[in-house]
C-alpha atoms as a PDB file:
ATOM      1  CA  MET A   1     205.355  75.426  47.313  1.00  0.00           C
ATOM      2  CA  ARG A   2     203.156  78.899  48.314  1.00  0.00           C
ATOM      3  CA  GLU A   3     204.422  82.180  48.060  1.00  0.00           C
ATOM      4  CA  THR A   4     204.770  83.642  51.544  1.00  0.00           C
ATOM      5  CA  ALA A   5     204.047  87.137  52.320  1.00  0.00           C
ATOM      6  CA  ALA A   6     207.938  87.435  52.875  1.00  0.00           C
ATOM      7  CA  MET A   7     208.525  86.243  49.445  1.00  0.00           C
ATOM      8  CA  LYS A   8     206.129  88.619  48.131  1.00  0.00           C
ATOM      9  CA  ALA A   9     207.117  91.531  49.645  1.00  0.00           C
ATOM     10  CA  ASP A  10     210.770  90.762  47.952  1.00  0.00           C
ATOM     11  CA  ARG A  11     209.271  90.081  44.488  1.00  0.00           C
ATOM     12  CA  LEU A  12     207.494  93.365  44.559  1.00  0.00           C
ATOM     13  CA  LEU A  13     210.627  95.268  45.767  1.00  0.00           C
ATOM     14  CA  THR A  14     212.959  93.795  42.787  1.00  0.00           C
ATOM     15  CA  SER A  15     210.526  94.113  40.542  1.00  0.00           C
ATOM     16  CA  GLY A  16     209.990  98.212  40.895  1.00  0.00           C
ATOM     17  CA  ARG A  17     206.798  97.920  42.621  1.00  0.00           C
ATOM     18  CA  VAL A  18     206.944 100.120  45.257  1.00  0.00           C
ATOM     19  CA  VAL A  19     207.068 103.994  45.136  1.00  0.00           C
ATOM     20  CA  VAL A  20     207.579 105.745  48.517  1.00  0.00           C
ATOM     21  CA  VAL A  21     205.616 108.968  47.869  1.00  0.00           C
ATOM     22  CA  ARG A  22     206.246 110.591  51.396  1.00  0.00           C
ATOM     23  CA  ALA A  23     209.006 109.836  54.136  1.00  0.00           C
ATOM     24  CA  ASP A  24     209.440 112.345  56.618  1.00  0.00           C
ATOM     25  CA  GLY A  25     210.073 111.332  59.798  1.00  0.00           C
ATOM     26  CA  ARG A  26     206.623 111.054  61.017  1.00  0.00           C
ATOM     27  CA  HIS A  27     204.871 109.922  58.305  1.00  0.00           C
ATOM     28  CA  ILE A  28     205.542 107.447  55.420  1.00  0.00           C
ATOM     29  CA  ARG A  29     203.188 107.121  52.623  1.00  0.00           C
ATOM     30  CA  ALA A  30     203.856 104.414  49.335  1.00  0.00           C
ATOM     31  CA  ILE A  31     202.221 103.099  46.635  1.00  0.00           C
ATOM     32  CA  VAL A  32     202.696  99.343  45.825  1.00  0.00           C
ATOM     33  CA  ARG A  33     201.106  97.776  42.744  1.00  0.00           C
ATOM     34  CA  GLY A  34     200.040  94.202  43.826  1.00  0.00           C
ATOM     35  CA  ASP A  35     199.262  91.500  41.660  1.00  0.00           C
ATOM     36  CA  THR A  36     195.443  91.110  41.603  1.00  0.00           C
ATOM     37  CA  GLU A  37     193.899  94.109  43.157  1.00  0.00           C
ATOM     38  CA  GLY A  38     195.495  96.933  41.427  1.00  0.00           C
ATOM     39  CA  PHE A  39     197.250  99.695  43.377  1.00  0.00           C
ATOM     40  CA  HIS A  40     197.480 100.056  47.000  1.00  0.00           C
ATOM     41  CA  THR A  41     198.235 102.616  49.618  1.00  0.00           C
ATOM     42  CA  VAL A  42     200.630 101.914  52.482  1.00  0.00           C
ATOM     43  CA  GLU A  43     200.965 104.625  55.386  1.00  0.00           C
ATOM     44  CA  HIS A  44     202.847 104.614  58.620  1.00  0.00           C
ATOM     45  CA  GLY A  45     201.957 107.223  61.379  1.00  0.00           C
ATOM     46  CA  GLY A  46     201.315 107.315  64.830  1.00  0.00           C
ATOM     47  CA  GLY A  47     203.224 104.044  65.378  1.00  0.00           C
ATOM     48  CA  ARG A  48     201.102 102.093  63.079  1.00  0.00           C
ATOM     49  CA  TRP A  49     200.912 100.840  59.475  1.00  0.00           C
ATOM     50  CA  THR A  50     197.995 100.664  57.173  1.00  0.00           C
ATOM     51  CA  CYS A  51     197.237  99.144  53.878  1.00  0.00           C
ATOM     52  CA  SER A  52     194.343  99.645  51.959  1.00  0.00           C
ATOM     53  CA  CYS A  53     194.634  95.938  50.775  1.00  0.00           C
ATOM     54  CA  SER A  54     191.897  93.071  51.490  1.00  0.00           C
ATOM     55  CA  HIS A  55     194.686  91.060  53.407  1.00  0.00           C
ATOM     56  CA  ALA A  56     196.080  93.996  55.611  1.00  0.00           C
ATOM     57  CA  PRO A  57     193.157  93.305  58.210  1.00  0.00           C
ATOM     58  CA  TYR A  58     194.469  89.555  59.208  1.00  0.00           C
ATOM     59  CA  GLY A  59     198.001  90.664  59.789  1.00  0.00           C
ATOM     60  CA  LEU A  60     201.015  91.907  57.943  1.00  0.00           C
ATOM     61  CA  CYS A  61     200.721  92.084  54.001  1.00  0.00           C
ATOM     62  CA  SER A  62     203.330  91.614  51.480  1.00  0.00           C
ATOM     63  CA  HIS A  63     202.454  95.514  50.301  1.00  0.00           C
ATOM     64  CA  LYS A  64     203.309  96.770  54.172  1.00  0.00           C
ATOM     65  CA  ARG A  65     206.008  94.275  54.228  1.00  0.00           C
ATOM     66  CA  ALA A  66     207.850  95.373  51.059  1.00  0.00           C
ATOM     67  CA  VAL A  67     207.725  99.394  52.195  1.00  0.00           C
ATOM     68  CA  GLN A  68     209.027  98.165  55.462  1.00  0.00           C
ATOM     69  CA  LEU A  69     211.915  96.648  53.888  1.00  0.00           C
ATOM     70  CA  VAL A  70     212.913 100.194  52.035  1.00  0.00           C
ATOM     71  CA  THR A  71     211.898 102.599  54.913  1.00  0.00           C
ATOM     72  CA  ALA A  72     212.697 102.812  58.970  1.00  0.00           C
ATOM     73  CA  PRO A  73     210.326 105.027  60.947  1.00  0.00           C
ATOM     74  CA  VAL A  74     212.217 107.656  63.020  1.00  0.00           C
ATOM     75  CA  GLN A  75     211.031 107.486  66.522  1.00  0.00           C
ATOM     76  CA  PRO A  76     210.271 111.129  67.545  1.00  0.00           C
ATOM     77  CA  ALA A  77     212.642 110.946  71.135  1.00  0.00           C
ATOM     78  CA  ILE A  78     215.554 109.868  68.238  1.00  0.00           C
ATOM     79  CA  VAL A  79     215.727 113.059  66.341  1.00  0.00           C
ATOM     80  CA  SER A  80     215.514 116.172  67.431  1.00  0.00           C
ATOM     81  CA  HIS A  81     214.249 119.253  65.494  1.00  0.00           C
ATOM     82  CA  ASP A  82     217.847 120.641  65.783  1.00  0.00           C
ATOM     83  CA  VAL A  83     219.354 117.245  63.782  1.00  0.00           C
ATOM     84  CA  MET A  84     216.657 117.509  61.112  1.00  0.00           C
ATOM     85  CA  ILE A  85     217.553 121.422  60.529  1.00  0.00           C
ATOM     86  CA  GLY A  86     221.058 120.337  60.249  1.00  0.00           C
ATOM     87  CA  ALA A  87     220.346 117.617  58.169  1.00  0.00           C
ATOM     88  CA  MET A  88     218.906 120.281  55.548  1.00  0.00           C
ATOM     89  CA  THR A  89     221.320 122.455  54.833  1.00  0.00           C
END
């Protein structure tokens, strides 16, 4: 059976190949070590997910899906400045 993008995302995540380097409520950036093409940069900003891999233009790649499993972009209307300041103190 061929490995689906969802299955590969789970495997990438559980094998420690996903490193989130920035997650601040407006922007997410992660590095994912792929199987064949080396390292990929996955980002979320402006309501959009991107990945540097060659499969990303064709839909949801396994690298984006793996990062999505461990992050949740916060909508600006949900988090106010006061809430963010309170969370840091």
